[in-house]
């Protein structure tokens, strides 16, 4: 059974997920690792957190939330391993992050550039956002899913 844990230390199993994502052409986990190592983003400000979905020592997915403004969080670095897709792992992770952000942020935003991710976030209750090139989807965190 998958377990969601808050990431407090970087370890080798995360590197395997970074390598897989890079082989698929995604660079955002490489940036996540670099920002973690150089301490520019450890998801440690008030209301922030980075989570991983684990099964034993295997990382199935990762993602977190950063503070965008006083009342707005930004969903970031969400990636599900290819072997774990279409099994509810991403949905489990994002719902957990949204639940953790409830009461801290009234709005959660994100940016994505793939059609598959667009459909995924819409299915979770996000809506298309307009007026900001850095935001493609928004979620009113006062809502329930």
Foldseek 3Di string as FASTA:
>chain_A
DKDKDWDDDDDDLLVVVCVQCVVVVDCQSVVVVVCVVVVVDPLPPVLKTKMFIDDVPHTQWIWIWDDPDQAEIETDDTDGHPVCPPVCPSVVVVLVRLVSNVPRHQKYFYDDDDPVVVVVVVVSPWDADDDDPGTGTMHGSVDDD
